[in-house]
Every structure is written in structure tokens, then in C-alpha cells.
Amino acid sequence: MNGDRYSSRRARSRVIRAAIVVTALGILAIAPGAQAQSTAPAGGFLFIDSDMVLGPTNLTDEERPTMTCVQDNRFAHNEEVVWRVKVLDPLTGQPMDDTMLSSVEVKLPTETLSLHYGGHPRDTPVDFFWTVGWDVPEDYPTGAVAYTIDATANDGRAGTWEQFGVTLAQLTITDEVRPIIEEE
């Protein structure tokens, strides 16, 4: 019951945030003396909502049911970071799928990862969003990892998501090393 209430509150919060942004843009567009000019399409940016979860790589069969897809920002070496992303059209408040976006990417200091759109969980989807997994290399430096998420729509609109500046809230690689489990 609490999970349903939380999900409902979170969804309302997203809609309210999108409405505030759209309203603010409308006010700026009609404000007397407004000098802002843009060549971008109306609503020329994208709203990105993202989190990170632990993926199933190198988890034991016993760990997978209770640890996979649990939100976290601290990962050991050889664990899988999975980004889950929704890109919203600020004009409609609706999520954008792979027919509307040309790319969604996580940009790490060492590489760029392309996200894929689909239903989750895979066999019995209850939601649709963008995902990509990244196995933390065993020799990757420990500490906070700076990254951004960039989305580009087919019509040229774009958006970038950045982590909060609070170190404790950022993606962090710990000094722990998870043993590698060979897939059968």
C-alpha cells in the first residue's frame, strides 16, 4: 500500500514539475521586454528523470531476487550499475520512446553508453523506459564518478541530466571487489 502511495506521489510530482517548467516558459515568452530568442523548437529542451539500480551481473542466484533493481549509488568493482531513464516531453508531460528520440546516452569519464528503450521487467512489463548497464571494471578508480545523461529528440530538442553536487548522493565506486560469477 505504501509503495502505491509513493509511486502515485512521485508521478504527481513529475507532472507538477513539468507543468511548472512549461508555465515558466510561457510567462517568459509573453513577458514585456523579454529579449530571449531561440531557434530551438517550442519546448526546446527535454526533461530527464533518472535513477541507478544494482544489476544482476555477478550476483548469486540467492541474491538476485532481493538485490536486483534496488536503487543505489554505491557499487563495488565487478557489480553492474544500471541506469533507468525516462525522458519527458515538457510540452505534453508524456514519456518519449525510441520513435521520438534519436539518442539517450550516459557519458562517463572513460566512455559513453547508449541506452535502449523497452518494457520492464522484460517478461511481464509494467513500465517502459530507457536502460543501460555498466559492469564496474575491477581496476576502476574508487570514489565519486562524474557522469551526465544526454537525450536528443528527432526534432532537435535536447536535455542533459547532471548529478546533485552532494558527494554522498553521487555515483560512488567503493574499494570492495565482488567475485566474478561465470554465466552458464
Protein backbone atom coordinates (compact mmCIF):
# COMPACT_ATOMS: atom_id res chain seq x y z
CA MET A 1 0.00 0.00 0.00
CA ASN A 2 2.76 2.46 0.91
CA GLY A 3 4.55 1.63 -2.36
CA ASP A 4 1.42 2.53 -4.36
CA ARG A 5 1.06 5.80 -2.47
CA TYR A 6 4.75 6.61 -3.05
CA SER A 7 4.50 5.79 -6.78
CA SER A 8 1.39 7.96 -7.09
CA ARG A 9 3.06 10.86 -5.24
CA ARG A 10 6.17 10.51 -7.37
CA ALA A 11 4.13 10.53 -10.60
CA ARG A 12 2.20 13.62 -9.43
CA SER A 13 5.48 15.29 -8.54
CA ARG A 14 6.82 14.70 -12.06
CA VAL A 15 3.70 16.13 -13.66
CA ILE A 16 3.76 19.15 -11.35
CA ARG A 17 7.45 19.80 -12.09
CA ALA A 18 6.81 19.58 -15.83
CA ALA A 19 3.79 21.91 -15.52
CA ILE A 20 5.83 24.47 -13.56
CA VAL A 21 8.56 24.48 -16.19
CA VAL A 22 6.08 24.82 -19.04
CA THR A 23 4.24 27.62 -17.21
CA ALA A 24 7.51 29.46 -16.51
CA LEU A 25 8.50 29.21 -20.17
CA GLY A 26 5.09 30.55 -21.20
CA ILE A 27 5.41 33.51 -18.83
CA LEU A 28 8.89 34.31 -20.11
CA ALA A 29 7.67 34.12 -23.69
CA ILE A 30 4.96 36.76 -23.14
CA ALA A 31 6.69 38.93 -20.54
CA PRO A 32 7.01 42.57 -21.60
CA GLY A 33 10.50 43.39 -22.81
CA ALA A 34 11.53 39.73 -22.93
CA GLN A 35 14.68 39.60 -25.04
CA ALA A 36 15.22 35.84 -25.15
CA GLN A 37 15.27 34.45 -28.67
CA SER A 38 15.69 30.83 -29.62
CA THR A 39 15.96 28.86 -32.80
CA ALA A 40 15.05 25.66 -30.95
CA PRO A 41 11.57 24.18 -31.44
CA ALA A 42 8.89 25.15 -28.91
CA GLY A 43 9.64 23.46 -25.60
CA GLY A 44 13.23 23.29 -26.87
CA PHE A 45 14.53 21.10 -24.08
CA LEU A 46 13.79 17.66 -22.66
CA PHE A 47 13.11 16.72 -19.05
CA ILE A 48 15.16 13.71 -17.85
CA ASP A 49 14.24 11.60 -14.82
CA SER A 50 16.83 9.01 -13.82
CA ASP A 51 18.00 6.63 -11.13
CA MET A 52 20.55 3.84 -10.71
CA VAL A 53 19.97 0.29 -9.57
CA LEU A 54 22.08 -2.80 -9.00
CA GLY A 55 22.01 -5.14 -11.99
CA PRO A 56 22.16 -8.96 -11.82
CA THR A 57 25.78 -9.34 -13.03
CA ASN A 58 27.89 -11.31 -10.52
CA LEU A 59 25.03 -11.76 -8.07
CA THR A 60 24.38 -15.27 -6.85
CA ASP A 61 21.07 -16.99 -7.59
CA GLU A 62 20.12 -16.37 -3.95
CA GLU A 63 20.94 -12.64 -4.15
CA ARG A 64 19.21 -11.84 -7.46
CA PRO A 65 15.58 -11.84 -6.25
CA THR A 66 16.23 -9.38 -3.41
CA MET A 67 19.08 -7.24 -4.74
CA THR A 68 18.42 -6.76 -8.48
CA CYS A 69 16.79 -3.45 -9.45
CA VAL A 70 17.23 -1.95 -5.97
CA GLN A 71 18.13 1.75 -6.08
CA ASP A 72 21.67 2.52 -5.00
CA ASN A 73 24.53 4.88 -5.73
CA ARG A 74 27.38 2.87 -4.18
CA PHE A 75 28.78 -0.01 -6.23
CA ALA A 76 31.65 -2.44 -5.77
CA HIS A 77 34.07 -3.40 -8.51
CA ASN A 78 32.55 -6.14 -10.74
CA GLU A 79 29.00 -5.04 -9.87
CA GLU A 80 26.62 -3.84 -12.55
CA VAL A 81 25.33 -0.26 -12.44
CA VAL A 82 22.04 0.01 -14.34
CA TRP A 83 20.70 3.43 -15.29
CA ARG A 84 16.92 3.68 -15.67
CA VAL A 85 15.82 6.79 -17.51
CA LYS A 86 12.58 8.40 -18.59
CA VAL A 87 12.72 11.33 -20.95
CA LEU A 88 9.63 13.53 -20.82
CA ASP A 89 8.33 15.96 -23.39
CA PRO A 90 7.87 19.20 -21.40
CA LEU A 91 5.02 20.29 -23.69
CA THR A 92 2.90 17.18 -23.07
CA GLY A 93 4.38 15.73 -19.88
CA GLN A 94 4.45 12.35 -21.64
CA PRO A 95 7.40 9.94 -21.77
CA MET A 96 9.30 9.78 -25.05
CA ASP A 97 10.09 6.43 -26.62
CA ASP A 98 12.51 5.23 -29.29
CA THR A 99 10.30 6.61 -32.08
CA MET A 100 10.71 10.16 -30.68
CA LEU A 101 14.33 10.19 -29.51
CA SER A 102 17.41 9.72 -31.64
CA SER A 103 19.71 9.04 -28.68
CA VAL A 104 19.90 8.71 -24.92
CA GLU A 105 23.43 8.34 -23.53
CA VAL A 106 25.27 8.09 -20.23
CA LYS A 107 28.58 9.91 -20.53
CA LEU A 108 31.19 8.59 -18.10
CA PRO A 109 34.74 9.97 -17.85
CA THR A 110 36.06 6.96 -19.78
CA GLU A 111 33.25 6.02 -22.17
CA THR A 112 29.78 6.77 -23.50
CA LEU A 113 26.97 4.23 -23.07
CA SER A 114 23.90 4.17 -25.32
CA LEU A 115 20.61 3.41 -23.57
CA HIS A 116 17.91 1.18 -25.06
CA TYR A 117 14.15 1.57 -24.75
CA GLY A 118 11.92 -1.27 -23.62
CA GLY A 119 9.49 -2.81 -21.18
CA HIS A 120 10.45 -3.78 -17.63
CA PRO A 121 10.55 -6.33 -16.25
CA ARG A 122 11.36 -7.98 -19.56
CA ASP A 123 8.94 -10.93 -19.41
CA THR A 124 5.96 -9.11 -17.87
CA PRO A 125 6.40 -5.36 -18.46
CA VAL A 126 4.65 -2.96 -16.12
CA ASP A 127 6.59 0.11 -17.26
CA PHE A 128 8.62 1.29 -20.25
CA PHE A 129 11.85 3.29 -20.03
CA TRP A 130 15.44 3.57 -21.21
CA THR A 131 18.20 1.43 -19.66
CA VAL A 132 21.86 0.56 -19.93
CA GLY A 133 24.14 -1.50 -17.69
CA TRP A 134 27.80 -0.93 -16.91
CA ASP A 135 29.96 -3.51 -15.13
CA VAL A 136 32.39 -1.61 -12.91
CA PRO A 137 35.86 -2.76 -14.02
CA GLU A 138 37.96 -4.31 -11.30
CA ASP A 139 40.71 -1.72 -11.87
CA TYR A 140 38.36 1.30 -12.00
CA PRO A 141 39.35 4.06 -9.54
CA THR A 142 37.37 4.23 -6.30
CA GLY A 143 35.43 7.34 -5.35
CA ALA A 144 32.76 9.53 -6.93
CA VAL A 145 32.22 9.17 -10.67
CA ALA A 146 31.14 12.23 -12.64
CA TYR A 147 28.63 11.45 -15.37
CA THR A 148 25.81 13.06 -17.31
CA ILE A 149 22.82 11.72 -19.20
CA ASP A 150 22.12 13.34 -22.55
CA ALA A 151 18.96 12.89 -24.62
CA THR A 152 18.28 14.16 -28.12
CA ALA A 153 14.89 14.16 -29.82
CA ASN A 154 14.35 13.59 -33.52
CA ASP A 155 13.20 17.23 -33.81
CA GLY A 156 16.48 18.59 -32.37
CA ARG A 157 15.40 19.25 -28.79
CA ALA A 158 17.90 18.07 -26.19
CA GLY A 159 18.35 17.72 -22.47
CA THR A 160 21.14 16.92 -20.04
CA TRP A 161 20.81 15.46 -16.55
CA GLU A 162 23.59 16.04 -14.02
CA GLN A 163 24.12 14.54 -10.58
CA PHE A 164 23.48 16.57 -7.45
CA GLY A 165 26.63 18.28 -6.19
CA VAL A 166 26.42 16.45 -2.85
CA THR A 167 29.21 13.83 -2.84
CA LEU A 168 27.21 11.35 -0.75
CA ALA A 169 24.45 11.38 -3.39
CA GLN A 170 26.76 10.76 -6.38
CA LEU A 171 27.65 7.52 -8.10
CA THR A 172 30.45 6.11 -5.96
CA ILE A 173 32.72 3.15 -6.58
CA THR A 174 33.75 1.50 -3.31
CA ASP A 175 37.00 -0.36 -2.67
CA GLU A 176 35.10 -3.66 -2.42
CA VAL A 177 35.52 -6.26 -5.18
CA ARG A 178 32.67 -8.67 -5.93
CA PRO A 179 33.80 -12.10 -7.16
CA ILE A 180 33.06 -12.78 -10.83
CA ILE A 181 30.40 -15.42 -11.35
CA GLU A 182 30.67 -17.19 -14.69
CA GLU A 183 27.34 -17.45 -16.56
CA GLU A 184 26.28 -20.94 -17.57
